mmCIF file of all heavy atoms, coordinates in Angstrom:
data_MODEL
# 
_entry.id   MODEL 
# 
loop_
_atom_site.group_PDB 
_atom_site.id 
_atom_site.type_symbol 
_atom_site.label_atom_id 
_atom_site.label_alt_id 
_atom_site.label_comp_id 
_atom_site.label_asym_id 
_atom_site.label_entity_id 
_atom_site.label_seq_id 
_atom_site.pdbx_PDB_ins_code 
_atom_site.Cartn_x 
_atom_site.Cartn_y 
_atom_site.Cartn_z 
_atom_site.occupancy 
_atom_site.B_iso_or_equiv 
_atom_site.pdbx_formal_charge 
_atom_site.auth_seq_id 
_atom_site.auth_comp_id 
_atom_site.auth_asym_id 
_atom_site.auth_atom_id 
_atom_site.pdbx_PDB_model_num 
ATOM 1   N N   . ILE A 1 1  ? 3.990  -4.843 -20.927 1.00 0.00 ? 1  ILE A N   1 
ATOM 2   C CA  . ILE A 1 1  ? 4.457  -5.684 -19.802 1.00 0.00 ? 1  ILE A CA  1 
ATOM 3   C C   . ILE A 1 1  ? 5.279  -4.880 -18.801 1.00 0.00 ? 1  ILE A C   1 
ATOM 4   O O   . ILE A 1 1  ? 5.116  -4.941 -17.541 1.00 0.00 ? 1  ILE A O   1 
ATOM 5   C CB  . ILE A 1 1  ? 5.235  -6.890 -20.316 1.00 0.00 ? 1  ILE A CB  1 
ATOM 6   C CG1 . ILE A 1 1  ? 4.341  -7.875 -20.993 1.00 0.00 ? 1  ILE A CG1 1 
ATOM 7   C CG2 . ILE A 1 1  ? 5.892  -7.570 -19.101 1.00 0.00 ? 1  ILE A CG2 1 
ATOM 8   C CD1 . ILE A 1 1  ? 5.021  -9.064 -21.579 1.00 0.00 ? 1  ILE A CD1 1 
ATOM 9   N N   . ALA A 1 2  ? 6.170  -3.988 -19.343 1.00 0.00 ? 2  ALA A N   1 
ATOM 10  C CA  . ALA A 1 2  ? 7.006  -3.221 -18.472 1.00 0.00 ? 2  ALA A CA  1 
ATOM 11  C C   . ALA A 1 2  ? 6.162  -2.223 -17.655 1.00 0.00 ? 2  ALA A C   1 
ATOM 12  O O   . ALA A 1 2  ? 6.466  -1.985 -16.442 1.00 0.00 ? 2  ALA A O   1 
ATOM 13  C CB  . ALA A 1 2  ? 8.071  -2.476 -19.283 1.00 0.00 ? 2  ALA A CB  1 
ATOM 14  N N   . THR A 1 3  ? 5.120  -1.685 -18.305 1.00 0.00 ? 3  THR A N   1 
ATOM 15  C CA  . THR A 1 3  ? 4.224  -0.745 -17.529 1.00 0.00 ? 3  THR A CA  1 
ATOM 16  C C   . THR A 1 3  ? 3.511  -1.467 -16.427 1.00 0.00 ? 3  THR A C   1 
ATOM 17  O O   . THR A 1 3  ? 3.343  -0.944 -15.333 1.00 0.00 ? 3  THR A O   1 
ATOM 18  C CB  . THR A 1 3  ? 3.138  -0.202 -18.551 1.00 0.00 ? 3  THR A CB  1 
ATOM 19  O OG1 . THR A 1 3  ? 3.919  0.464  -19.652 1.00 0.00 ? 3  THR A OG1 1 
ATOM 20  C CG2 . THR A 1 3  ? 2.299  0.841  -17.882 1.00 0.00 ? 3  THR A CG2 1 
ATOM 21  N N   . GLY A 1 4  ? 3.065  -2.701 -16.705 1.00 0.00 ? 4  GLY A N   1 
ATOM 22  C CA  . GLY A 1 4  ? 2.397  -3.520 -15.667 1.00 0.00 ? 4  GLY A CA  1 
ATOM 23  C C   . GLY A 1 4  ? 3.347  -3.740 -14.461 1.00 0.00 ? 4  GLY A C   1 
ATOM 24  O O   . GLY A 1 4  ? 2.910  -3.643 -13.331 1.00 0.00 ? 4  GLY A O   1 
ATOM 25  N N   . LEU A 1 5  ? 4.575  -4.104 -14.751 1.00 0.00 ? 5  LEU A N   1 
ATOM 26  C CA  . LEU A 1 5  ? 5.547  -4.334 -13.669 1.00 0.00 ? 5  LEU A CA  1 
ATOM 27  C C   . LEU A 1 5  ? 5.807  -3.037 -12.929 1.00 0.00 ? 5  LEU A C   1 
ATOM 28  O O   . LEU A 1 5  ? 6.059  -3.038 -11.706 1.00 0.00 ? 5  LEU A O   1 
ATOM 29  C CB  . LEU A 1 5  ? 6.811  -4.849 -14.281 1.00 0.00 ? 5  LEU A CB  1 
ATOM 30  C CG  . LEU A 1 5  ? 6.790  -6.334 -14.825 1.00 0.00 ? 5  LEU A CG  1 
ATOM 31  C CD1 . LEU A 1 5  ? 8.046  -6.639 -15.572 1.00 0.00 ? 5  LEU A CD1 1 
ATOM 32  C CD2 . LEU A 1 5  ? 6.557  -7.305 -13.665 1.00 0.00 ? 5  LEU A CD2 1 
ATOM 33  N N   . ALA A 1 6  ? 5.823  -1.907 -13.665 1.00 0.00 ? 6  ALA A N   1 
ATOM 34  C CA  . ALA A 1 6  ? 6.073  -0.574 -13.037 1.00 0.00 ? 6  ALA A CA  1 
ATOM 35  C C   . ALA A 1 6  ? 5.009  -0.233 -12.007 1.00 0.00 ? 6  ALA A C   1 
ATOM 36  O O   . ALA A 1 6  ? 5.257  0.517  -11.049 1.00 0.00 ? 6  ALA A O   1 
ATOM 37  C CB  . ALA A 1 6  ? 6.204  0.409  -14.064 1.00 0.00 ? 6  ALA A CB  1 
ATOM 38  N N   . PHE A 1 7  ? 3.836  -0.775 -12.182 1.00 0.00 ? 7  PHE A N   1 
ATOM 39  C CA  . PHE A 1 7  ? 2.754  -0.489 -11.216 1.00 0.00 ? 7  PHE A CA  1 
ATOM 40  C C   . PHE A 1 7  ? 2.777  -1.299 -9.986  1.00 0.00 ? 7  PHE A C   1 
ATOM 41  O O   . PHE A 1 7  ? 2.107  -1.028 -8.961  1.00 0.00 ? 7  PHE A O   1 
ATOM 42  C CB  . PHE A 1 7  ? 1.332  -0.695 -11.962 1.00 0.00 ? 7  PHE A CB  1 
ATOM 43  C CG  . PHE A 1 7  ? 0.899  0.441  -12.772 1.00 0.00 ? 7  PHE A CG  1 
ATOM 44  C CD1 . PHE A 1 7  ? 0.480  0.185  -14.075 1.00 0.00 ? 7  PHE A CD1 1 
ATOM 45  C CD2 . PHE A 1 7  ? 0.903  1.716  -12.287 1.00 0.00 ? 7  PHE A CD2 1 
ATOM 46  C CE1 . PHE A 1 7  ? -0.005 1.275  -14.839 1.00 0.00 ? 7  PHE A CE1 1 
ATOM 47  C CE2 . PHE A 1 7  ? 0.493  2.770  -13.068 1.00 0.00 ? 7  PHE A CE2 1 
ATOM 48  C CZ  . PHE A 1 7  ? 0.051  2.593  -14.380 1.00 0.00 ? 7  PHE A CZ  1 
ATOM 49  N N   . LEU A 1 8  ? 3.562  -2.388 -9.952  1.00 0.00 ? 8  LEU A N   1 
ATOM 50  C CA  . LEU A 1 8  ? 3.551  -3.334 -8.786  1.00 0.00 ? 8  LEU A CA  1 
ATOM 51  C C   . LEU A 1 8  ? 4.006  -2.569 -7.501  1.00 0.00 ? 8  LEU A C   1 
ATOM 52  O O   . LEU A 1 8  ? 3.407  -2.816 -6.514  1.00 0.00 ? 8  LEU A O   1 
ATOM 53  C CB  . LEU A 1 8  ? 4.421  -4.515 -9.080  1.00 0.00 ? 8  LEU A CB  1 
ATOM 54  C CG  . LEU A 1 8  ? 3.814  -5.606 -9.987  1.00 0.00 ? 8  LEU A CG  1 
ATOM 55  C CD1 . LEU A 1 8  ? 4.745  -6.805 -10.136 1.00 0.00 ? 8  LEU A CD1 1 
ATOM 56  C CD2 . LEU A 1 8  ? 2.500  -6.078 -9.479  1.00 0.00 ? 8  LEU A CD2 1 
ATOM 57  N N   . PRO A 1 9  ? 5.097  -1.763 -7.525  1.00 0.00 ? 9  PRO A N   1 
ATOM 58  C CA  . PRO A 1 9  ? 5.427  -1.086 -6.256  1.00 0.00 ? 9  PRO A CA  1 
ATOM 59  C C   . PRO A 1 9  ? 4.333  -0.218 -5.705  1.00 0.00 ? 9  PRO A C   1 
ATOM 60  O O   . PRO A 1 9  ? 4.155  -0.097 -4.532  1.00 0.00 ? 9  PRO A O   1 
ATOM 61  C CB  . PRO A 1 9  ? 6.679  -0.254 -6.687  1.00 0.00 ? 9  PRO A CB  1 
ATOM 62  C CG  . PRO A 1 9  ? 7.218  -0.939 -7.845  1.00 0.00 ? 9  PRO A CG  1 
ATOM 63  C CD  . PRO A 1 9  ? 6.116  -1.482 -8.608  1.00 0.00 ? 9  PRO A CD  1 
ATOM 64  N N   . MET A 1 10 ? 3.518  0.396  -6.600  1.00 0.00 ? 10 MET A N   1 
ATOM 65  C CA  . MET A 1 10 ? 2.380  1.232  -6.200  1.00 0.00 ? 10 MET A CA  1 
ATOM 66  C C   . MET A 1 10 ? 1.385  0.358  -5.433  1.00 0.00 ? 10 MET A C   1 
ATOM 67  O O   . MET A 1 10 ? 0.882  0.782  -4.373  1.00 0.00 ? 10 MET A O   1 
ATOM 68  C CB  . MET A 1 10 ? 1.737  1.897  -7.399  1.00 0.00 ? 10 MET A CB  1 
ATOM 69  C CG  . MET A 1 10 ? 2.718  2.803  -8.215  1.00 0.00 ? 10 MET A CG  1 
ATOM 70  S SD  . MET A 1 10 ? 1.980  3.380  -9.777  1.00 0.00 ? 10 MET A SD  1 
ATOM 71  C CE  . MET A 1 10 ? 0.859  4.567  -9.162  1.00 0.00 ? 10 MET A CE  1 
ATOM 72  N N   . THR A 1 11 ? 1.098  -0.809 -5.973  1.00 0.00 ? 11 THR A N   1 
ATOM 73  C CA  . THR A 1 11 ? 0.152  -1.683 -5.369  1.00 0.00 ? 11 THR A CA  1 
ATOM 74  C C   . THR A 1 11 ? 0.632  -2.165 -3.984  1.00 0.00 ? 11 THR A C   1 
ATOM 75  O O   . THR A 1 11 ? -0.112 -2.205 -2.963  1.00 0.00 ? 11 THR A O   1 
ATOM 76  C CB  . THR A 1 11 ? -0.156 -2.968 -6.233  1.00 0.00 ? 11 THR A CB  1 
ATOM 77  O OG1 . THR A 1 11 ? -0.511 -2.504 -7.484  1.00 0.00 ? 11 THR A OG1 1 
ATOM 78  C CG2 . THR A 1 11 ? -1.164 -3.853 -5.631  1.00 0.00 ? 11 THR A CG2 1 
ATOM 79  N N   . LEU A 1 12 ? 1.931  -2.458 -3.853  1.00 0.00 ? 12 LEU A N   1 
ATOM 80  C CA  . LEU A 1 12 ? 2.486  -2.871 -2.572  1.00 0.00 ? 12 LEU A CA  1 
ATOM 81  C C   . LEU A 1 12 ? 2.419  -1.794 -1.514  1.00 0.00 ? 12 LEU A C   1 
ATOM 82  O O   . LEU A 1 12 ? 2.106  -2.033 -0.351  1.00 0.00 ? 12 LEU A O   1 
ATOM 83  C CB  . LEU A 1 12 ? 3.931  -3.273 -2.775  1.00 0.00 ? 12 LEU A CB  1 
ATOM 84  C CG  . LEU A 1 12 ? 4.239  -4.566 -3.563  1.00 0.00 ? 12 LEU A CG  1 
ATOM 85  C CD1 . LEU A 1 12 ? 5.709  -4.787 -3.769  1.00 0.00 ? 12 LEU A CD1 1 
ATOM 86  C CD2 . LEU A 1 12 ? 3.608  -5.809 -2.876  1.00 0.00 ? 12 LEU A CD2 1 
ATOM 87  N N   . MET A 1 13 ? 2.556  -0.518 -1.948  1.00 0.00 ? 13 MET A N   1 
ATOM 88  C CA  . MET A 1 13 ? 2.479  0.594  -1.070  1.00 0.00 ? 13 MET A CA  1 
ATOM 89  C C   . MET A 1 13 ? 1.038  0.769  -0.581  1.00 0.00 ? 13 MET A C   1 
ATOM 90  O O   . MET A 1 13 ? 0.800  1.176  0.583   1.00 0.00 ? 13 MET A O   1 
ATOM 91  C CB  . MET A 1 13 ? 3.016  1.868  -1.677  1.00 0.00 ? 13 MET A CB  1 
ATOM 92  C CG  . MET A 1 13 ? 4.556  1.926  -1.859  1.00 0.00 ? 13 MET A CG  1 
ATOM 93  S SD  . MET A 1 13 ? 5.421  1.712  -0.334  1.00 0.00 ? 13 MET A SD  1 
ATOM 94  C CE  . MET A 1 13 ? 5.042  3.293  0.517   1.00 0.00 ? 13 MET A CE  1 
ATOM 95  N N   . ILE A 1 14 ? 0.061  0.578  -1.448  1.00 0.00 ? 14 ILE A N   1 
ATOM 96  C CA  . ILE A 1 14 ? -1.356 0.641  -1.027  1.00 0.00 ? 14 ILE A CA  1 
ATOM 97  C C   . ILE A 1 14 ? -1.591 -0.442 0.008   1.00 0.00 ? 14 ILE A C   1 
ATOM 98  O O   . ILE A 1 14 ? -2.318 -0.151 1.072   1.00 0.00 ? 14 ILE A O   1 
ATOM 99  C CB  . ILE A 1 14 ? -2.242 0.429  -2.292  1.00 0.00 ? 14 ILE A CB  1 
ATOM 100 C CG1 . ILE A 1 14 ? -2.190 1.603  -3.169  1.00 0.00 ? 14 ILE A CG1 1 
ATOM 101 C CG2 . ILE A 1 14 ? -3.735 0.227  -1.820  1.00 0.00 ? 14 ILE A CG2 1 
ATOM 102 C CD1 . ILE A 1 14 ? -2.953 1.469  -4.447  1.00 0.00 ? 14 ILE A CD1 1 
ATOM 103 N N   . ILE A 1 15 ? -1.099 -1.644 -0.180  1.00 0.00 ? 15 ILE A N   1 
ATOM 104 C CA  . ILE A 1 15 ? -1.329 -2.688 0.852   1.00 0.00 ? 15 ILE A CA  1 
ATOM 105 C C   . ILE A 1 15 ? -0.644 -2.323 2.171   1.00 0.00 ? 15 ILE A C   1 
ATOM 106 O O   . ILE A 1 15 ? -1.247 -2.509 3.213   1.00 0.00 ? 15 ILE A O   1 
ATOM 107 C CB  . ILE A 1 15 ? -0.758 -4.038 0.257   1.00 0.00 ? 15 ILE A CB  1 
ATOM 108 C CG1 . ILE A 1 15 ? -1.604 -4.478 -0.912  1.00 0.00 ? 15 ILE A CG1 1 
ATOM 109 C CG2 . ILE A 1 15 ? -0.782 -5.133 1.349   1.00 0.00 ? 15 ILE A CG2 1 
ATOM 110 C CD1 . ILE A 1 15 ? -0.996 -5.684 -1.648  1.00 0.00 ? 15 ILE A CD1 1 
ATOM 111 N N   . ILE A 1 16 ? 0.614  -1.848 2.109   1.00 0.00 ? 16 ILE A N   1 
ATOM 112 C CA  . ILE A 1 16 ? 1.263  -1.372 3.317   1.00 0.00 ? 16 ILE A CA  1 
ATOM 113 C C   . ILE A 1 16 ? 0.517  -0.286 4.081   1.00 0.00 ? 16 ILE A C   1 
ATOM 114 O O   . ILE A 1 16 ? 0.329  -0.316 5.232   1.00 0.00 ? 16 ILE A O   1 
ATOM 115 C CB  . ILE A 1 16 ? 2.705  -0.950 2.983   1.00 0.00 ? 16 ILE A CB  1 
ATOM 116 C CG1 . ILE A 1 16 ? 3.566  -2.176 2.523   1.00 0.00 ? 16 ILE A CG1 1 
ATOM 117 C CG2 . ILE A 1 16 ? 3.358  -0.271 4.172   1.00 0.00 ? 16 ILE A CG2 1 
ATOM 118 C CD1 . ILE A 1 16 ? 4.917  -1.820 1.947   1.00 0.00 ? 16 ILE A CD1 1 
ATOM 119 N N   . GLY A 1 17 ? 0.092  0.688  3.255   1.00 0.00 ? 17 GLY A N   1 
ATOM 120 C CA  . GLY A 1 17 ? -0.626 1.788  3.884   1.00 0.00 ? 17 GLY A CA  1 
ATOM 121 C C   . GLY A 1 17 ? -1.950 1.354  4.521   1.00 0.00 ? 17 GLY A C   1 
ATOM 122 O O   . GLY A 1 17 ? -2.287 1.775  5.655   1.00 0.00 ? 17 GLY A O   1 
ATOM 123 N N   . SER A 1 18 ? -2.660 0.398  3.855   1.00 0.00 ? 18 SER A N   1 
ATOM 124 C CA  . SER A 1 18 ? -3.872 -0.092 4.429   1.00 0.00 ? 18 SER A CA  1 
ATOM 125 C C   . SER A 1 18 ? -3.664 -0.869 5.690   1.00 0.00 ? 18 SER A C   1 
ATOM 126 O O   . SER A 1 18 ? -4.440 -0.818 6.627   1.00 0.00 ? 18 SER A O   1 
ATOM 127 C CB  . SER A 1 18 ? -4.630 -0.938 3.365   1.00 0.00 ? 18 SER A CB  1 
ATOM 128 O OG  . SER A 1 18 ? -4.916 -0.249 2.176   1.00 0.00 ? 18 SER A OG  1 
ATOM 129 N N   . THR A 1 19 ? -2.535 -1.584 5.711   1.00 0.00 ? 19 THR A N   1 
ATOM 130 C CA  . THR A 1 19 ? -2.209 -2.439 6.932   1.00 0.00 ? 19 THR A CA  1 
ATOM 131 C C   . THR A 1 19 ? -1.961 -1.534 8.115   1.00 0.00 ? 19 THR A C   1 
ATOM 132 O O   . THR A 1 19 ? -2.496 -1.808 9.212   1.00 0.00 ? 19 THR A O   1 
ATOM 133 C CB  . THR A 1 19 ? -0.967 -3.241 6.654   1.00 0.00 ? 19 THR A CB  1 
ATOM 134 O OG1 . THR A 1 19 ? -1.245 -4.120 5.520   1.00 0.00 ? 19 THR A OG1 1 
ATOM 135 C CG2 . THR A 1 19 ? -0.631 -4.134 7.760   1.00 0.00 ? 19 THR A CG2 1 
ATOM 136 N N   . PHE A 1 20 ? -1.200 -0.500 7.948   1.00 0.00 ? 20 PHE A N   1 
ATOM 137 C CA  . PHE A 1 20 ? -0.853 0.336  9.097   1.00 0.00 ? 20 PHE A CA  1 
ATOM 138 C C   . PHE A 1 20 ? -1.944 1.328  9.420   1.00 0.00 ? 20 PHE A C   1 
ATOM 139 O O   . PHE A 1 20 ? -2.059 1.779  10.623  1.00 0.00 ? 20 PHE A O   1 
ATOM 140 C CB  . PHE A 1 20 ? 0.434  1.116  8.769   1.00 0.00 ? 20 PHE A CB  1 
ATOM 141 C CG  . PHE A 1 20 ? 1.666  0.333  8.937   1.00 0.00 ? 20 PHE A CG  1 
ATOM 142 C CD1 . PHE A 1 20 ? 2.248  -0.196 7.841   1.00 0.00 ? 20 PHE A CD1 1 
ATOM 143 C CD2 . PHE A 1 20 ? 2.235  0.114  10.159  1.00 0.00 ? 20 PHE A CD2 1 
ATOM 144 C CE1 . PHE A 1 20 ? 3.453  -1.014 7.978   1.00 0.00 ? 20 PHE A CE1 1 
ATOM 145 C CE2 . PHE A 1 20 ? 3.374  -0.654 10.289  1.00 0.00 ? 20 PHE A CE2 1 
ATOM 146 C CZ  . PHE A 1 20 ? 3.995  -1.198 9.219   1.00 0.00 ? 20 PHE A CZ  1 
ATOM 147 N N   . ALA A 1 21 ? -2.836 1.583  8.534   1.00 0.00 ? 21 ALA A N   1 
ATOM 148 C CA  . ALA A 1 21 ? -3.907 2.574  8.736   1.00 0.00 ? 21 ALA A CA  1 
ATOM 149 C C   . ALA A 1 21 ? -4.857 2.136  9.871   1.00 0.00 ? 21 ALA A C   1 
ATOM 150 O O   . ALA A 1 21 ? -5.277 2.988  10.678  1.00 0.00 ? 21 ALA A O   1 
ATOM 151 C CB  . ALA A 1 21 ? -4.719 2.795  7.442   1.00 0.00 ? 21 ALA A CB  1 
ATOM 152 N N   . GLY A 1 22 ? -5.187 0.803  9.871   1.00 0.00 ? 22 GLY A N   1 
ATOM 153 C CA  . GLY A 1 22 ? -6.104 0.361  10.903  1.00 0.00 ? 22 GLY A CA  1 
ATOM 154 C C   . GLY A 1 22 ? -5.498 0.596  12.337  1.00 0.00 ? 22 GLY A C   1 
ATOM 155 O O   . GLY A 1 22 ? -6.214 0.940  13.274  1.00 0.00 ? 22 GLY A O   1 
ATOM 156 N N   . ARG A 1 23 ? -4.188 0.325  12.477  1.00 0.00 ? 23 ARG A N   1 
ATOM 157 C CA  . ARG A 1 23 ? -3.526 0.470  13.795  1.00 0.00 ? 23 ARG A CA  1 
ATOM 158 C C   . ARG A 1 23 ? -3.449 1.953  14.122  1.00 0.00 ? 23 ARG A C   1 
ATOM 159 O O   . ARG A 1 23 ? -3.665 2.307  15.299  1.00 0.00 ? 23 ARG A O   1 
ATOM 160 C CB  . ARG A 1 23 ? -2.136 -0.145 13.739  1.00 0.00 ? 23 ARG A CB  1 
ATOM 161 C CG  . ARG A 1 23 ? -2.136 -1.604 13.355  1.00 0.00 ? 23 ARG A CG  1 
ATOM 162 C CD  . ARG A 1 23 ? -0.647 -2.097 13.176  1.00 0.00 ? 23 ARG A CD  1 
ATOM 163 N NE  . ARG A 1 23 ? -0.636 -3.426 12.565  1.00 0.00 ? 23 ARG A NE  1 
ATOM 164 C CZ  . ARG A 1 23 ? 0.465  -4.052 12.268  1.00 0.00 ? 23 ARG A CZ  1 
ATOM 165 N NH1 . ARG A 1 23 ? 1.656  -3.425 12.418  1.00 0.00 ? 23 ARG A NH1 1 
ATOM 166 N NH2 . ARG A 1 23 ? 0.470  -5.309 11.721  1.00 0.00 ? 23 ARG A NH2 1 
ATOM 167 N N   . LEU A 1 24 ? -3.149 2.766  13.146  1.00 0.00 ? 24 LEU A N   1 
ATOM 168 C CA  . LEU A 1 24 ? -3.046 4.200  13.439  1.00 0.00 ? 24 LEU A CA  1 
ATOM 169 C C   . LEU A 1 24 ? -4.382 4.788  13.841  1.00 0.00 ? 24 LEU A C   1 
ATOM 170 O O   . LEU A 1 24 ? -4.444 5.745  14.701  1.00 0.00 ? 24 LEU A O   1 
ATOM 171 C CB  . LEU A 1 24 ? -2.417 4.930  12.263  1.00 0.00 ? 24 LEU A CB  1 
ATOM 172 C CG  . LEU A 1 24 ? -0.924 4.608  11.940  1.00 0.00 ? 24 LEU A CG  1 
ATOM 173 C CD1 . LEU A 1 24 ? -0.539 5.221  10.616  1.00 0.00 ? 24 LEU A CD1 1 
ATOM 174 C CD2 . LEU A 1 24 ? -0.069 5.077  13.061  1.00 0.00 ? 24 LEU A CD2 1 
ATOM 175 N N   . VAL A 1 25 ? -5.441 4.377  13.165  1.00 0.00 ? 25 VAL A N   1 
ATOM 176 C CA  . VAL A 1 25 ? -6.754 4.904  13.467  1.00 0.00 ? 25 VAL A CA  1 
ATOM 177 C C   . VAL A 1 25 ? -7.107 4.575  14.959  1.00 0.00 ? 25 VAL A C   1 
ATOM 178 O O   . VAL A 1 25 ? -7.718 5.428  15.653  1.00 0.00 ? 25 VAL A O   1 
ATOM 179 C CB  . VAL A 1 25 ? -7.828 4.340  12.504  1.00 0.00 ? 25 VAL A CB  1 
ATOM 180 C CG1 . VAL A 1 25 ? -9.254 4.630  13.050  1.00 0.00 ? 25 VAL A CG1 1 
ATOM 181 C CG2 . VAL A 1 25 ? -7.626 4.882  11.169  1.00 0.00 ? 25 VAL A CG2 1 
ATOM 182 N N   . ALA A 1 26 ? -6.764 3.406  15.407  1.00 0.00 ? 26 ALA A N   1 
ATOM 183 C CA  . ALA A 1 26 ? -7.050 2.987  16.784  1.00 0.00 ? 26 ALA A CA  1 
ATOM 184 C C   . ALA A 1 26 ? -6.354 3.937  17.747  1.00 0.00 ? 26 ALA A C   1 
ATOM 185 O O   . ALA A 1 26 ? -6.855 4.145  18.842  1.00 0.00 ? 26 ALA A O   1 
ATOM 186 C CB  . ALA A 1 26 ? -6.678 1.582  17.016  1.00 0.00 ? 26 ALA A CB  1 
ATOM 187 N N   . ARG A 1 27 ? -5.204 4.492  17.408  1.00 0.00 ? 27 ARG A N   1 
ATOM 188 C CA  . ARG A 1 27 ? -4.460 5.329  18.353  1.00 0.00 ? 27 ARG A CA  1 
ATOM 189 C C   . ARG A 1 27 ? -4.806 6.795  18.191  1.00 0.00 ? 27 ARG A C   1 
ATOM 190 O O   . ARG A 1 27 ? -4.930 7.561  19.156  1.00 0.00 ? 27 ARG A O   1 
ATOM 191 C CB  . ARG A 1 27 ? -2.956 5.160  18.034  1.00 0.00 ? 27 ARG A CB  1 
ATOM 192 C CG  . ARG A 1 27 ? -2.397 3.740  18.367  1.00 0.00 ? 27 ARG A CG  1 
ATOM 193 C CD  . ARG A 1 27 ? -0.927 3.693  18.184  1.00 0.00 ? 27 ARG A CD  1 
ATOM 194 N NE  . ARG A 1 27 ? -0.372 2.367  18.453  1.00 0.00 ? 27 ARG A NE  1 
ATOM 195 C CZ  . ARG A 1 27 ? 0.902  2.068  18.393  1.00 0.00 ? 27 ARG A CZ  1 
ATOM 196 N NH1 . ARG A 1 27 ? 1.785  2.982  18.019  1.00 0.00 ? 27 ARG A NH1 1 
ATOM 197 N NH2 . ARG A 1 27 ? 1.329  0.821  18.676  1.00 0.00 ? 27 ARG A NH2 1 
ATOM 198 N N   . LEU A 1 28 ? -4.951 7.265  16.918  1.00 0.00 ? 28 LEU A N   1 
ATOM 199 C CA  . LEU A 1 28 ? -5.104 8.716  16.686  1.00 0.00 ? 28 LEU A CA  1 
ATOM 200 C C   . LEU A 1 28 ? -6.450 9.097  16.202  1.00 0.00 ? 28 LEU A C   1 
ATOM 201 O O   . LEU A 1 28 ? -6.814 10.301 16.166  1.00 0.00 ? 28 LEU A O   1 
ATOM 202 C CB  . LEU A 1 28 ? -4.076 9.118  15.644  1.00 0.00 ? 28 LEU A CB  1 
ATOM 203 C CG  . LEU A 1 28 ? -2.611 8.869  15.951  1.00 0.00 ? 28 LEU A CG  1 
ATOM 204 C CD1 . LEU A 1 28 ? -1.714 9.235  14.795  1.00 0.00 ? 28 LEU A CD1 1 
ATOM 205 C CD2 . LEU A 1 28 ? -2.164 9.572  17.203  1.00 0.00 ? 28 LEU A CD2 1 
# 
């Protein structure tokens, strides 16, 4: 269970990166 919780920040960062990637691609 602790390992599963430890992976949650990684998943949030993937979502954040994917969200900004689309905007950055449109510019750069």
